[in-house]
Amino acid sequence: SLKPEDTAVYYCNAYIQTEEVVSTKNNYWGQGT
């Protein structure tokens, strides 16, 4: 049920840990679509 006001660039976002320790948790972004 998309509306014209939904028009935008949409970005994926994730909080990801790359190692077992919490200090490796970082915020990552996609390039946008």
PDB file of all heavy atoms in Angstrom:
ATOM      1  N   SER A   1       0.828  -1.212   0.000  1.00  0.00           N
ATOM      2  CA  SER A   1       0.000   0.000   0.000  1.00  0.00           C
ATOM      3  C   SER A   1       0.857   1.254   0.000  1.00  0.00           C
ATOM      4  O   SER A   1       0.635   2.191   0.775  1.00  0.00           O
ATOM      5  CB  SER A   1      -0.945  -0.007   1.201  1.00  0.00           C
ATOM      6  OG  SER A   1      -1.785  -1.144   1.185  1.00  0.00           O
ATOM      7  N   LEU A   2       1.829   1.284  -0.877  1.00  0.00           N
ATOM      8  CA  LEU A   2       2.783   2.390  -0.902  1.00  0.00           C
ATOM      9  C   LEU A   2       2.110   3.705  -1.277  1.00  0.00           C
ATOM     10  O   LEU A   2       1.189   3.743  -2.096  1.00  0.00           O
ATOM     11  CB  LEU A   2       3.920   2.080  -1.865  1.00  0.00           C
ATOM     12  CG  LEU A   2       4.957   1.092  -1.323  1.00  0.00           C
ATOM     13  CD1 LEU A   2       5.781   0.503  -2.455  1.00  0.00           C
ATOM     14  CD2 LEU A   2       5.864   1.779  -0.308  1.00  0.00           C
ATOM     15  N   LYS A   3       2.601   4.769  -0.663  1.00  0.00           N
ATOM     16  CA  LYS A   3       2.094   6.116  -0.879  1.00  0.00           C
ATOM     17  C   LYS A   3       3.205   7.002  -1.427  1.00  0.00           C
ATOM     18  O   LYS A   3       4.380   6.732  -1.193  1.00  0.00           O
ATOM     19  CB  LYS A   3       1.582   6.707   0.435  1.00  0.00           C
ATOM     20  CG  LYS A   3       0.523   5.884   1.142  1.00  0.00           C
ATOM     21  CD  LYS A   3       0.188   6.488   2.499  1.00  0.00           C
ATOM     22  CE  LYS A   3      -0.856   5.671   3.228  1.00  0.00           C
ATOM     23  NZ  LYS A   3      -1.169   6.248   4.566  1.00  0.00           N
ATOM     24  N   PRO A   4       2.857   8.074  -2.127  1.00  0.00           N
ATOM     25  CA  PRO A   4       3.902   8.983  -2.620  1.00  0.00           C
ATOM     26  C   PRO A   4       4.818   9.496  -1.520  1.00  0.00           C
ATOM     27  O   PRO A   4       6.011   9.707  -1.774  1.00  0.00           O
ATOM     28  CB  PRO A   4       3.097  10.123  -3.257  1.00  0.00           C
ATOM     29  CG  PRO A   4       1.840   9.467  -3.713  1.00  0.00           C
ATOM     30  CD  PRO A   4       1.527   8.444  -2.649  1.00  0.00           C
ATOM     31  N   GLU A   5       4.302   9.685  -0.321  1.00  0.00           N
ATOM     32  CA  GLU A   5       5.128  10.157   0.776  1.00  0.00           C
ATOM     33  C   GLU A   5       6.140   9.130   1.268  1.00  0.00           C
ATOM     34  O   GLU A   5       6.992   9.446   2.102  1.00  0.00           O
ATOM     35  CB  GLU A   5       4.264  10.646   1.949  1.00  0.00           C
ATOM     36  CG  GLU A   5       3.197   9.660   2.380  1.00  0.00           C
ATOM     37  CD  GLU A   5       1.839   9.970   1.782  1.00  0.00           C
ATOM     38  OE1 GLU A   5       1.771  10.255   0.568  1.00  0.00           O
ATOM     39  OE2 GLU A   5       0.839   9.934   2.531  1.00  0.00           O
ATOM     40  N   ASP A   6       6.056   7.900   0.777  1.00  0.00           N
ATOM     41  CA  ASP A   6       7.064   6.898   1.075  1.00  0.00           C
ATOM     42  C   ASP A   6       8.314   7.059   0.207  1.00  0.00           C
ATOM     43  O   ASP A   6       9.308   6.362   0.429  1.00  0.00           O
ATOM     44  CB  ASP A   6       6.511   5.488   0.885  1.00  0.00           C
ATOM     45  CG  ASP A   6       5.410   5.155   1.878  1.00  0.00           C
ATOM     46  OD1 ASP A   6       5.548   5.507   3.065  1.00  0.00           O
ATOM     47  OD2 ASP A   6       4.411   4.537   1.459  1.00  0.00           O
ATOM     48  N   THR A   7       8.255   7.934  -0.772  1.00  0.00           N
ATOM     49  CA  THR A   7       9.391   8.155  -1.660  1.00  0.00           C
ATOM     50  C   THR A   7      10.597   8.650  -0.872  1.00  0.00           C
ATOM     51  O   THR A   7      10.520   9.648  -0.156  1.00  0.00           O
ATOM     52  CB  THR A   7       9.035   9.163  -2.756  1.00  0.00           C
ATOM     53  OG1 THR A   7       8.003   8.621  -3.583  1.00  0.00           O
ATOM     54  CG2 THR A   7      10.246   9.477  -3.620  1.00  0.00           C
ATOM     55  N   ALA A   8      11.708   7.944  -0.990  1.00  0.00           N
ATOM     56  CA  ALA A   8      12.918   8.273  -0.242  1.00  0.00           C
ATOM     57  C   ALA A   8      14.024   7.308  -0.644  1.00  0.00           C
ATOM     58  O   ALA A   8      13.787   6.323  -1.347  1.00  0.00           O
ATOM     59  CB  ALA A   8      12.671   8.177   1.263  1.00  0.00           C
ATOM     60  N   VAL A   9      15.228   7.608  -0.180  1.00  0.00           N
ATOM     61  CA  VAL A   9      16.307   6.639  -0.238  1.00  0.00           C
ATOM     62  C   VAL A   9      16.240   5.814   1.038  1.00  0.00           C
ATOM     63  O   VAL A   9      16.215   6.370   2.139  1.00  0.00           O
ATOM     64  CB  VAL A   9      17.683   7.305  -0.374  1.00  0.00           C
ATOM     65  CG1 VAL A   9      18.790   6.260  -0.358  1.00  0.00           C
ATOM     66  CG2 VAL A   9      17.753   8.127  -1.656  1.00  0.00           C
ATOM     67  N   TYR A  10      16.200   4.517   0.890  1.00  0.00           N
ATOM     68  CA  TYR A  10      16.101   3.610   2.028  1.00  0.00           C
ATOM     69  C   TYR A  10      17.461   2.994   2.314  1.00  0.00           C
ATOM     70  O   TYR A  10      18.135   2.487   1.412  1.00  0.00           O
ATOM     71  CB  TYR A  10      15.071   2.517   1.751  1.00  0.00           C
ATOM     72  CG  TYR A  10      13.646   2.999   1.855  1.00  0.00           C
ATOM     73  CD1 TYR A  10      13.120   3.874   0.910  1.00  0.00           C
ATOM     74  CD2 TYR A  10      12.826   2.599   2.906  1.00  0.00           C
ATOM     75  CE1 TYR A  10      11.820   4.341   1.012  1.00  0.00           C
ATOM     76  CE2 TYR A  10      11.525   3.056   3.015  1.00  0.00           C
ATOM     77  CZ  TYR A  10      11.028   3.923   2.068  1.00  0.00           C
ATOM     78  OH  TYR A  10       9.730   4.382   2.171  1.00  0.00           O
ATOM     79  N   TYR A  11      17.858   3.038   3.581  1.00  0.00           N
ATOM     80  CA  TYR A  11      19.166   2.562   4.004  1.00  0.00           C
ATOM     81  C   TYR A  11      19.032   1.408   4.984  1.00  0.00           C
ATOM     82  O   TYR A  11      18.279   1.496   5.960  1.00  0.00           O
ATOM     83  CB  TYR A  11      19.965   3.674   4.684  1.00  0.00           C
ATOM     84  CG  TYR A  11      20.284   4.851   3.801  1.00  0.00           C
ATOM     85  CD1 TYR A  11      19.425   5.933   3.713  1.00  0.00           C
ATOM     86  CD2 TYR A  11      21.467   4.882   3.060  1.00  0.00           C
ATOM     87  CE1 TYR A  11      19.715   7.018   2.908  1.00  0.00           C
ATOM     88  CE2 TYR A  11      21.768   5.963   2.259  1.00  0.00           C
ATOM     89  CZ  TYR A  11      20.893   7.026   2.186  1.00  0.00           C
ATOM     90  OH  TYR A  11      21.189   8.111   1.392  1.00  0.00           O
ATOM     91  N   CYS A  12      19.765   0.364   4.742  1.00  0.00           N
ATOM     92  CA  CYS A  12      19.863  -0.734   5.688  1.00  0.00           C
ATOM     93  C   CYS A  12      20.850  -0.367   6.793  1.00  0.00           C
ATOM     94  O   CYS A  12      21.881   0.262   6.532  1.00  0.00           O
ATOM     95  CB  CYS A  12      20.320  -2.004   4.968  1.00  0.00           C
ATOM     96  SG  CYS A  12      20.474  -3.458   6.021  1.00  0.00           S
ATOM     97  N   ASN A  13      20.533  -0.748   8.003  1.00  0.00           N
ATOM     98  CA  ASN A  13      21.382  -0.455   9.153  1.00  0.00           C
ATOM     99  C   ASN A  13      21.452  -1.680  10.051  1.00  0.00           C
ATOM    100  O   ASN A  13      20.453  -2.382  10.239  1.00  0.00           O
ATOM    101  CB  ASN A  13      20.829   0.743   9.926  1.00  0.00           C
ATOM    102  CG  ASN A  13      21.596   1.027  11.201  1.00  0.00           C
ATOM    103  OD1 ASN A  13      21.110   0.764  12.300  1.00  0.00           O
ATOM    104  ND2 ASN A  13      22.794   1.574  11.063  1.00  0.00           N
ATOM    105  N   ALA A  14      22.637  -1.930  10.624  1.00  0.00           N
ATOM    106  CA  ALA A  14      22.789  -3.077  11.506  1.00  0.00           C
ATOM    107  C   ALA A  14      23.858  -2.818  12.547  1.00  0.00           C
ATOM    108  O   ALA A  14      24.860  -2.150  12.276  1.00  0.00           O
ATOM    109  CB  ALA A  14      23.137  -4.331  10.704  1.00  0.00           C
ATOM    110  N   TYR A  15      23.632  -3.350  13.742  1.00  0.00           N
ATOM    111  CA  TYR A  15      24.632  -3.367  14.797  1.00  0.00           C
ATOM    112  C   TYR A  15      25.213  -4.771  14.835  1.00  0.00           C
ATOM    113  O   TYR A  15      24.508  -5.735  15.127  1.00  0.00           O
ATOM    114  CB  TYR A  15      24.021  -3.002  16.143  1.00  0.00           C
ATOM    115  CG  TYR A  15      23.646  -1.550  16.256  1.00  0.00           C
ATOM    116  CD1 TYR A  15      22.408  -1.095  15.836  1.00  0.00           C
ATOM    117  CD2 TYR A  15      24.542  -0.623  16.779  1.00  0.00           C
ATOM    118  CE1 TYR A  15      22.062   0.235  15.921  1.00  0.00           C
ATOM    119  CE2 TYR A  15      24.205   0.715  16.876  1.00  0.00           C
ATOM    120  CZ  TYR A  15      22.971   1.139  16.448  1.00  0.00           C
ATOM    121  OH  TYR A  15      22.626   2.473  16.536  1.00  0.00           O
ATOM    122  N   ILE A  16      26.509  -4.859  14.549  1.00  0.00           N
ATOM    123  CA  ILE A  16      27.155  -6.144  14.343  1.00  0.00           C
ATOM    124  C   ILE A  16      28.421  -6.232  15.176  1.00  0.00           C
ATOM    125  O   ILE A  16      29.221  -5.298  15.211  1.00  0.00           O
ATOM    126  CB  ILE A  16      27.493  -6.363  12.854  1.00  0.00           C
ATOM    127  CG1 ILE A  16      26.203  -6.393  12.026  1.00  0.00           C
ATOM    128  CG2 ILE A  16      28.294  -7.644  12.657  1.00  0.00           C
ATOM    129  CD1 ILE A  16      26.438  -6.443  10.538  1.00  0.00           C
ATOM    130  N   GLN A  17      28.600  -7.367  15.847  1.00  0.00           N
ATOM    131  CA  GLN A  17      29.848  -7.680  16.515  1.00  0.00           C
ATOM    132  C   GLN A  17      30.685  -8.563  15.604  1.00  0.00           C
ATOM    133  O   GLN A  17      30.204  -9.578  15.089  1.00  0.00           O
ATOM    134  CB  GLN A  17      29.606  -8.398  17.841  1.00  0.00           C
ATOM    135  CG  GLN A  17      29.025  -7.530  18.924  1.00  0.00           C
ATOM    136  CD  GLN A  17      28.884  -8.250  20.250  1.00  0.00           C
ATOM    137  OE1 GLN A  17      27.943  -7.999  20.993  1.00  0.00           O
ATOM    138  NE2 GLN A  17      29.827  -9.135  20.558  1.00  0.00           N
ATOM    139  N   THR A  18      31.947  -8.190  15.441  1.00  0.00           N
ATOM    140  CA  THR A  18      32.833  -8.959  14.583  1.00  0.00           C
ATOM    141  C   THR A  18      33.694  -9.946  15.365  1.00  0.00           C
ATOM    142  O   THR A  18      34.286 -10.848  14.778  1.00  0.00           O
ATOM    143  CB  THR A  18      33.745  -8.034  13.763  1.00  0.00           C
ATOM    144  OG1 THR A  18      34.486  -7.179  14.641  1.00  0.00           O
ATOM    145  CG2 THR A  18      32.903  -7.172  12.830  1.00  0.00           C
ATOM    146  N   GLU A  19      33.758  -9.766  16.685  1.00  0.00           N
ATOM    147  CA  GLU A  19      34.483 -10.677  17.565  1.00  0.00           C
ATOM    148  C   GLU A  19      33.632 -10.956  18.795  1.00  0.00           C
ATOM    149  O   GLU A  19      32.582 -10.344  18.991  1.00  0.00           O
ATOM    150  CB  GLU A  19      35.834 -10.092  17.985  1.00  0.00           C
ATOM    151  CG  GLU A  19      36.765  -9.743  16.832  1.00  0.00           C
ATOM    152  CD  GLU A  19      37.321 -10.953  16.119  1.00  0.00           C
ATOM    153  OE1 GLU A  19      37.243 -12.065  16.674  1.00  0.00           O
ATOM    154  OE2 GLU A  19      37.844 -10.790  14.999  1.00  0.00           O
ATOM    155  N   GLU A  20      34.105 -11.847  19.655  1.00  0.00           N
ATOM    156  CA  GLU A  20      33.328 -12.244  20.820  1.00  0.00           C
ATOM    157  C   GLU A  20      33.169 -11.121  21.844  1.00  0.00           C
ATOM    158  O   GLU A  20      32.169 -11.082  22.569  1.00  0.00           O
ATOM    159  CB  GLU A  20      33.965 -13.473  21.470  1.00  0.00           C
ATOM    160  CG  GLU A  20      33.084 -14.167  22.484  1.00  0.00           C
ATOM    161  CD  GLU A  20      33.601 -15.529  22.883  1.00  0.00           C
ATOM    162  OE1 GLU A  20      34.573 -16.001  22.267  1.00  0.00           O
ATOM    163  OE2 GLU A  20      33.034 -16.131  23.800  1.00  0.00           O
ATOM    164  N   VAL A  21      34.114 -10.192  21.907  1.00  0.00           N
ATOM    165  CA  VAL A  21      34.047  -9.106  22.870  1.00  0.00           C
ATOM    166  C   VAL A  21      33.093  -8.031  22.376  1.00  0.00           C
ATOM    167  O   VAL A  21      33.023  -7.728  21.182  1.00  0.00           O
ATOM    168  CB  VAL A  21      35.441  -8.508  23.152  1.00  0.00           C
ATOM    169  CG1 VAL A  21      36.307  -9.534  23.862  1.00  0.00           C
ATOM    170  CG2 VAL A  21      36.115  -8.051  21.874  1.00  0.00           C
ATOM    171  N   VAL A  22      32.376  -7.414  23.330  1.00  0.00           N
ATOM    172  CA  VAL A  22      31.366  -6.420  23.002  1.00  0.00           C
ATOM    173  C   VAL A  22      31.980  -5.183  22.348  1.00  0.00           C
ATOM    174  O   VAL A  22      31.316  -4.498  21.555  1.00  0.00           O
ATOM    175  CB  VAL A  22      30.575  -6.031  24.262  1.00  0.00           C
ATOM    176  CG1 VAL A  22      29.583  -4.913  23.967  1.00  0.00           C
ATOM    177  CG2 VAL A  22      29.844  -7.245  24.825  1.00  0.00           C
ATOM    178  N   SER A  23      33.231  -4.883  22.667  1.00  0.00           N
ATOM    179  CA  SER A  23      33.878  -3.696  22.120  1.00  0.00           C
ATOM    180  C   SER A  23      33.992  -3.720  20.605  1.00  0.00           C
ATOM    181  O   SER A  23      34.271  -2.686  19.987  1.00  0.00           O
ATOM    182  CB  SER A  23      35.269  -3.515  22.737  1.00  0.00           C
ATOM    183  OG  SER A  23      36.109  -4.616  22.448  1.00  0.00           O
ATOM    184  N   THR A  24      33.773  -4.864  19.991  1.00  0.00           N
ATOM    185  CA  THR A  24      33.823  -4.959  18.537  1.00  0.00           C
ATOM    186  C   THR A  24      32.476  -4.651  17.886  1.00  0.00           C
ATOM    187  O   THR A  24      32.357  -4.728  16.662  1.00  0.00           O
ATOM    188  CB  THR A  24      34.297  -6.345  18.078  1.00  0.00           C
ATOM    189  OG1 THR A  24      33.355  -7.343  18.478  1.00  0.00           O
ATOM    190  CG2 THR A  24      35.659  -6.667  18.683  1.00  0.00           C
ATOM    191  N   LYS A  25      31.474  -4.300  18.670  1.00  0.00           N
ATOM    192  CA  LYS A  25      30.154  -3.974  18.140  1.00  0.00           C
ATOM    193  C   LYS A  25      30.190  -2.609  17.466  1.00  0.00           C
ATOM    194  O   LYS A  25      30.618  -1.627  18.062  1.00  0.00           O
ATOM    195  CB  LYS A  25      29.124  -3.988  19.268  1.00  0.00           C
ATOM    196  CG  LYS A  25      27.700  -3.711  18.822  1.00  0.00           C
ATOM    197  CD  LYS A  25      26.763  -3.763  20.016  1.00  0.00           C
ATOM    198  CE  LYS A  25      25.341  -3.470  19.628  1.00  0.00           C
ATOM    199  NZ  LYS A  25      24.438  -3.520  20.816  1.00  0.00           N
ATOM    200  N   ASN A  26      29.725  -2.565  16.241  1.00  0.00           N
ATOM    201  CA  ASN A  26      29.712  -1.327  15.474  1.00  0.00           C
ATOM    202  C   ASN A  26      28.433  -1.205  14.667  1.00  0.00           C
ATOM    203  O   ASN A  26      27.741  -2.198  14.405  1.00  0.00           O
ATOM    204  CB  ASN A  26      30.920  -1.248  14.542  1.00  0.00           C
ATOM    205  CG  ASN A  26      32.203  -0.913  15.256  1.00  0.00           C
ATOM    206  OD1 ASN A  26      32.338   0.164  15.842  1.00  0.00           O
ATOM    207  ND2 ASN A  26      33.159  -1.828  15.224  1.00  0.00           N
ATOM    208  N   ASN A  27      28.158   0.023  14.287  1.00  0.00           N
ATOM    209  CA  ASN A  27      26.991   0.342  13.484  1.00  0.00           C
ATOM    210  C   ASN A  27      27.406   0.402  12.014  1.00  0.00           C
ATOM    211  O   ASN A  27      28.358   1.101  11.663  1.00  0.00           O
ATOM    212  CB  ASN A  27      26.407   1.679  13.935  1.00  0.00           C
ATOM    213  CG  ASN A  27      25.071   1.995  13.321  1.00  0.00           C
ATOM    214  OD1 ASN A  27      24.693   3.151  13.223  1.00  0.00           O
ATOM    215  ND2 ASN A  27      24.333   0.972  12.904  1.00  0.00           N
ATOM    216  N   TYR A  28      26.683  -0.325  11.162  1.00  0.00           N
ATOM    217  CA  TYR A  28      27.005  -0.374   9.744  1.00  0.00           C
ATOM    218  C   TYR A  28      25.818   0.083   8.921  1.00  0.00           C
ATOM    219  O   TYR A  28      24.660  -0.120   9.301  1.00  0.00           O
ATOM    220  CB  TYR A  28      27.410  -1.793   9.330  1.00  0.00           C
ATOM    221  CG  TYR A  28      28.675  -2.277   9.989  1.00  0.00           C
ATOM    222  CD1 TYR A  28      28.632  -2.930  11.212  1.00  0.00           C
ATOM    223  CD2 TYR A  28      29.917  -2.082   9.395  1.00  0.00           C
ATOM    224  CE1 TYR A  28      29.792  -3.370  11.830  1.00  0.00           C
ATOM    225  CE2 TYR A  28      31.075  -2.520  10.001  1.00  0.00           C
ATOM    226  CZ  TYR A  28      31.011  -3.164  11.220  1.00  0.00           C
ATOM    227  OH  TYR A  28      32.162  -3.601  11.827  1.00  0.00           O
ATOM    228  N   TRP A  29      26.117   0.682   7.777  1.00  0.00           N
ATOM    229  CA  TRP A  29      25.101   1.198   6.873  1.00  0.00           C
ATOM    230  C   TRP A  29      25.292   0.648   5.472  1.00  0.00           C
ATOM    231  O   TRP A  29      26.420   0.473   4.998  1.00  0.00           O
ATOM    232  CB  TRP A  29      25.163   2.723   6.794  1.00  0.00           C
ATOM    233  CG  TRP A  29      24.745   3.418   8.055  1.00  0.00           C
ATOM    234  CD1 TRP A  29      25.548   3.792   9.087  1.00  0.00           C
ATOM    235  CD2 TRP A  29      23.423   3.824   8.403  1.00  0.00           C
ATOM    236  NE1 TRP A  29      24.801   4.410  10.066  1.00  0.00           N
ATOM    237  CE2 TRP A  29      23.493   4.443   9.668  1.00  0.00           C
ATOM    238  CE3 TRP A  29      22.181   3.726   7.768  1.00  0.00           C
ATOM    239  CZ2 TRP A  29      22.366   4.963  10.312  1.00  0.00           C
ATOM    240  CZ3 TRP A  29      21.073   4.238   8.401  1.00  0.00           C
ATOM    241  CH2 TRP A  29      21.173   4.851   9.662  1.00  0.00           C
ATOM    242  N   GLY A  30      24.195   0.389   4.807  1.00  0.00           N
ATOM    243  CA  GLY A  30      24.234   0.061   3.402  1.00  0.00           C
ATOM    244  C   GLY A  30      24.354   1.315   2.560  1.00  0.00           C
ATOM    245  O   GLY A  30      24.361   2.435   3.068  1.00  0.00           O
ATOM    246  N   GLN A  31      24.446   1.130   1.260  1.00  0.00           N
ATOM    247  CA  GLN A  31      24.670   2.249   0.355  1.00  0.00           C
ATOM    248  C   GLN A  31      23.396   3.024   0.034  1.00  0.00           C
ATOM    249  O   GLN A  31      23.467   4.138  -0.489  1.00  0.00           O
ATOM    250  CB  GLN A  31      25.307   1.746  -0.950  1.00  0.00           C
ATOM    251  CG  GLN A  31      24.349   1.059  -1.921  1.00  0.00           C
ATOM    252  CD  GLN A  31      23.986  -0.363  -1.525  1.00  0.00           C
ATOM    253  OE1 GLN A  31      24.458  -0.896  -0.523  1.00  0.00           O
ATOM    254  NE2 GLN A  31      23.122  -0.992  -2.320  1.00  0.00           N
ATOM    255  N   GLY A  32      22.258   2.457   0.331  1.00  0.00           N
ATOM    256  CA  GLY A  32      20.983   3.086   0.053  1.00  0.00           C
ATOM    257  C   GLY A  32      20.388   2.623  -1.262  1.00  0.00           C
ATOM    258  O   GLY A  32      21.105   2.360  -2.224  1.00  0.00           O
ATOM    259  N   THR A  33      19.067   2.531  -1.293  1.00  0.00           N
ATOM    260  CA  THR A  33      18.358   2.174  -2.511  1.00  0.00           C
ATOM    261  C   THR A  33      17.147   3.091  -2.656  1.00  0.00           C
ATOM    262  O   THR A  33      16.423   3.346  -1.696  1.00  0.00           O
ATOM    263  CB  THR A  33      17.944   0.682  -2.504  1.00  0.00           C
ATOM    264  OG1 THR A  33      17.332   0.338  -3.746  1.00  0.00           O
ATOM    265  CG2 THR A  33      16.988   0.371  -1.367  1.00  0.00           C
TER     266      THR A  33
END
